[in-house]
Amino acid sequence: MKEMMIKLETIKDVQTFVSVVEKCPFSVDLSSGRYTVDAKSIMGIFSLDLMKPIKLIAYHDDSEVLKQFEPFKA
């Protein structure tokens, strides 16, 4: 499991992020406070507080996996 903090500031950022994460063959979650949602769910993402950085949790052991999320890094 790998984690990093990301920031999704605009609707376009969310759309682009979901396009990237949908291609992942492993599970990815987003966590904000006590809420955790599936990162492949646009509706789930919009239920989070996007004004704050969000924790991305990728259920994969390869640290190279996080490189695809670098454009969203907080």
N, C-alpha and C. Protein backbone atom coordinates (compact mmCIF):
# COMPACT_ATOMS: atom_id res chain seq x y z
N MET A 1 0.85 -1.17 0.00
CA MET A 1 0.00 0.00 0.00
C MET A 1 0.90 1.24 0.00
N LYS A 2 0.60 2.17 -0.89
CA LYS A 2 1.35 3.42 -0.99
C LYS A 2 0.40 4.59 -0.78
N GLU A 3 0.88 5.64 -0.13
CA GLU A 3 0.04 6.80 0.15
C GLU A 3 0.74 8.09 -0.27
N MET A 4 -0.05 9.08 -0.66
CA MET A 4 0.46 10.42 -0.92
C MET A 4 -0.69 11.41 -0.79
N MET A 5 -0.37 12.66 -0.55
CA MET A 5 -1.39 13.70 -0.45
C MET A 5 -1.55 14.35 -1.82
N ILE A 6 -2.81 14.55 -2.22
CA ILE A 6 -3.09 15.17 -3.51
C ILE A 6 -4.04 16.36 -3.30
N LYS A 7 -4.15 17.17 -4.34
CA LYS A 7 -5.06 18.32 -4.32
C LYS A 7 -5.82 18.33 -5.64
N LEU A 8 -7.14 18.37 -5.56
CA LEU A 8 -8.01 18.44 -6.73
C LEU A 8 -8.78 19.75 -6.62
N GLU A 9 -8.30 20.79 -7.32
CA GLU A 9 -8.82 22.13 -7.12
C GLU A 9 -9.97 22.51 -8.04
N THR A 10 -10.08 21.85 -9.19
CA THR A 10 -11.14 22.21 -10.14
C THR A 10 -11.88 20.96 -10.60
N ILE A 11 -13.02 21.18 -11.23
CA ILE A 11 -13.78 20.06 -11.80
C ILE A 11 -12.94 19.35 -12.85
N LYS A 12 -12.19 20.10 -13.63
CA LYS A 12 -11.32 19.52 -14.66
C LYS A 12 -10.25 18.64 -14.00
N ASP A 13 -9.70 19.08 -12.86
CA ASP A 13 -8.73 18.25 -12.13
C ASP A 13 -9.34 16.92 -11.73
N VAL A 14 -10.57 16.95 -11.24
CA VAL A 14 -11.26 15.72 -10.82
C VAL A 14 -11.47 14.81 -12.02
N GLN A 15 -11.92 15.37 -13.14
CA GLN A 15 -12.15 14.56 -14.34
C GLN A 15 -10.86 13.92 -14.83
N THR A 16 -9.79 14.71 -14.87
CA THR A 16 -8.49 14.19 -15.31
C THR A 16 -7.99 13.11 -14.36
N PHE A 17 -8.12 13.35 -13.06
CA PHE A 17 -7.69 12.38 -12.06
C PHE A 17 -8.43 11.06 -12.22
N VAL A 18 -9.75 11.11 -12.38
CA VAL A 18 -10.54 9.89 -12.53
C VAL A 18 -10.14 9.15 -13.81
N SER A 19 -9.84 9.88 -14.87
CA SER A 19 -9.38 9.23 -16.11
C SER A 19 -8.09 8.46 -15.89
N VAL A 20 -7.19 9.03 -15.09
CA VAL A 20 -5.92 8.36 -14.79
C VAL A 20 -6.16 7.14 -13.91
N VAL A 21 -6.93 7.31 -12.84
CA VAL A 21 -7.10 6.24 -11.86
C VAL A 21 -7.94 5.08 -12.41
N GLU A 22 -8.83 5.36 -13.36
CA GLU A 22 -9.64 4.28 -13.95
C GLU A 22 -8.77 3.27 -14.70
N LYS A 23 -7.60 3.67 -15.14
CA LYS A 23 -6.70 2.79 -15.87
C LYS A 23 -5.88 1.90 -14.95
N CYS A 24 -5.94 2.15 -13.65
CA CYS A 24 -5.17 1.36 -12.69
C CYS A 24 -5.83 -0.01 -12.48
N PRO A 25 -5.05 -1.09 -12.58
CA PRO A 25 -5.61 -2.43 -12.38
C PRO A 25 -5.70 -2.83 -10.91
N PHE A 26 -5.53 -1.87 -10.02
CA PHE A 26 -5.58 -2.12 -8.58
C PHE A 26 -6.50 -1.09 -7.95
N SER A 27 -6.85 -1.30 -6.70
CA SER A 27 -7.76 -0.39 -6.00
C SER A 27 -7.04 0.87 -5.56
N VAL A 28 -7.76 1.99 -5.65
CA VAL A 28 -7.26 3.27 -5.19
C VAL A 28 -8.39 3.95 -4.43
N ASP A 29 -8.10 4.41 -3.22
CA ASP A 29 -9.08 5.13 -2.41
C ASP A 29 -8.59 6.54 -2.15
N LEU A 30 -9.54 7.42 -1.80
CA LEU A 30 -9.23 8.76 -1.35
C LEU A 30 -9.82 8.92 0.04
N SER A 31 -9.06 9.55 0.92
CA SER A 31 -9.50 9.72 2.29
C SER A 31 -9.37 11.18 2.71
N SER A 32 -10.43 11.70 3.31
CA SER A 32 -10.44 13.06 3.84
C SER A 32 -11.16 13.02 5.18
N GLY A 33 -10.41 13.30 6.25
CA GLY A 33 -11.01 13.19 7.58
C GLY A 33 -11.38 11.76 7.87
N ARG A 34 -12.63 11.54 8.25
CA ARG A 34 -13.06 10.17 8.55
C ARG A 34 -13.75 9.48 7.38
N TYR A 35 -13.77 10.15 6.22
CA TYR A 35 -14.44 9.60 5.04
C TYR A 35 -13.43 9.03 4.06
N THR A 36 -13.73 7.85 3.53
CA THR A 36 -12.91 7.21 2.51
C THR A 36 -13.83 6.80 1.37
N VAL A 37 -13.41 7.14 0.13
CA VAL A 37 -14.22 6.80 -1.04
C VAL A 37 -13.35 6.14 -2.10
N ASP A 38 -13.99 5.44 -3.01
CA ASP A 38 -13.32 4.83 -4.15
C ASP A 38 -12.87 5.96 -5.08
N ALA A 39 -11.58 6.00 -5.40
CA ALA A 39 -11.04 7.07 -6.24
C ALA A 39 -11.53 7.00 -7.68
N LYS A 40 -12.16 5.91 -8.07
CA LYS A 40 -12.69 5.78 -9.43
C LYS A 40 -14.11 6.32 -9.54
N SER A 41 -14.64 6.84 -8.43
CA SER A 41 -16.01 7.35 -8.38
C SER A 41 -16.02 8.88 -8.34
N ILE A 42 -16.47 9.50 -9.43
CA ILE A 42 -16.56 10.96 -9.46
C ILE A 42 -17.50 11.45 -8.37
N MET A 43 -18.63 10.80 -8.20
CA MET A 43 -19.59 11.21 -7.17
C MET A 43 -18.97 11.09 -5.77
N GLY A 44 -18.21 10.03 -5.56
CA GLY A 44 -17.55 9.86 -4.27
C GLY A 44 -16.54 10.98 -4.01
N ILE A 45 -15.78 11.34 -5.03
CA ILE A 45 -14.78 12.40 -4.88
C ILE A 45 -15.46 13.72 -4.53
N PHE A 46 -16.57 14.03 -5.20
CA PHE A 46 -17.25 15.29 -4.93
C PHE A 46 -17.92 15.32 -3.56
N SER A 47 -18.02 14.17 -2.89
CA SER A 47 -18.57 14.16 -1.54
C SER A 47 -17.52 14.54 -0.49
N LEU A 48 -16.25 14.61 -0.92
CA LEU A 48 -15.16 14.99 -0.01
C LEU A 48 -14.97 16.50 0.00
N ASP A 49 -14.28 16.99 1.03
CA ASP A 49 -13.93 18.41 1.12
C ASP A 49 -12.72 18.66 0.23
N LEU A 50 -12.95 19.20 -0.96
CA LEU A 50 -11.88 19.40 -1.93
C LEU A 50 -11.06 20.66 -1.66
N MET A 51 -11.42 21.40 -0.64
CA MET A 51 -10.67 22.60 -0.29
C MET A 51 -9.38 22.25 0.47
N LYS A 52 -9.30 21.02 0.94
CA LYS A 52 -8.14 20.56 1.71
C LYS A 52 -7.43 19.45 0.91
N PRO A 53 -6.14 19.23 1.19
CA PRO A 53 -5.46 18.09 0.56
C PRO A 53 -6.14 16.77 0.95
N ILE A 54 -6.11 15.82 0.04
CA ILE A 54 -6.77 14.53 0.21
C ILE A 54 -5.71 13.44 0.18
N LYS A 55 -5.86 12.44 1.04
CA LYS A 55 -4.91 11.32 1.06
C LYS A 55 -5.31 10.30 0.00
N LEU A 56 -4.37 10.01 -0.91
CA LEU A 56 -4.55 8.96 -1.91
C LEU A 56 -3.93 7.69 -1.36
N ILE A 57 -4.67 6.59 -1.42
CA ILE A 57 -4.18 5.30 -0.95
C ILE A 57 -4.25 4.32 -2.12
N ALA A 58 -3.09 3.92 -2.62
CA ALA A 58 -3.00 2.98 -3.73
C ALA A 58 -2.64 1.61 -3.16
N TYR A 59 -3.47 0.62 -3.42
CA TYR A 59 -3.25 -0.73 -2.89
C TYR A 59 -2.36 -1.51 -3.84
N HIS A 60 -1.09 -1.11 -3.85
CA HIS A 60 -0.08 -1.70 -4.71
C HIS A 60 1.27 -1.50 -4.03
N ASP A 61 2.19 -2.43 -4.17
CA ASP A 61 3.46 -2.36 -3.46
C ASP A 61 4.57 -1.65 -4.22
N ASP A 62 4.39 -1.38 -5.50
CA ASP A 62 5.42 -0.75 -6.32
C ASP A 62 5.37 0.78 -6.16
N SER A 63 6.47 1.37 -5.71
CA SER A 63 6.49 2.83 -5.51
C SER A 63 6.41 3.60 -6.83
N GLU A 64 6.70 2.93 -7.94
CA GLU A 64 6.58 3.56 -9.25
C GLU A 64 5.13 3.94 -9.57
N VAL A 65 4.21 3.27 -8.91
CA VAL A 65 2.78 3.50 -9.12
C VAL A 65 2.41 4.95 -8.88
N LEU A 66 3.02 5.57 -7.90
CA LEU A 66 2.66 6.94 -7.52
C LEU A 66 3.08 7.98 -8.55
N LYS A 67 3.98 7.64 -9.45
CA LYS A 67 4.44 8.60 -10.46
C LYS A 67 3.30 9.13 -11.32
N GLN A 68 2.32 8.30 -11.61
CA GLN A 68 1.21 8.74 -12.46
C GLN A 68 0.32 9.77 -11.77
N PHE A 69 0.46 9.88 -10.44
CA PHE A 69 -0.35 10.84 -9.68
C PHE A 69 0.42 12.11 -9.32
N GLU A 70 1.66 12.23 -9.79
CA GLU A 70 2.49 13.40 -9.48
C GLU A 70 1.84 14.74 -9.87
N PRO A 71 1.13 14.83 -11.01
CA PRO A 71 0.52 16.13 -11.36
C PRO A 71 -0.49 16.62 -10.33
N PHE A 72 -0.99 15.74 -9.48
CA PHE A 72 -2.01 16.10 -8.50
C PHE A 72 -1.44 16.25 -7.09
N LYS A 73 -0.13 16.07 -6.95
CA LYS A 73 0.50 16.08 -5.63
C LYS A 73 0.29 17.43 -4.94
N ALA A 74 -0.08 17.36 -3.66
CA ALA A 74 -0.32 18.59 -2.88
C ALA A 74 0.99 19.18 -2.39
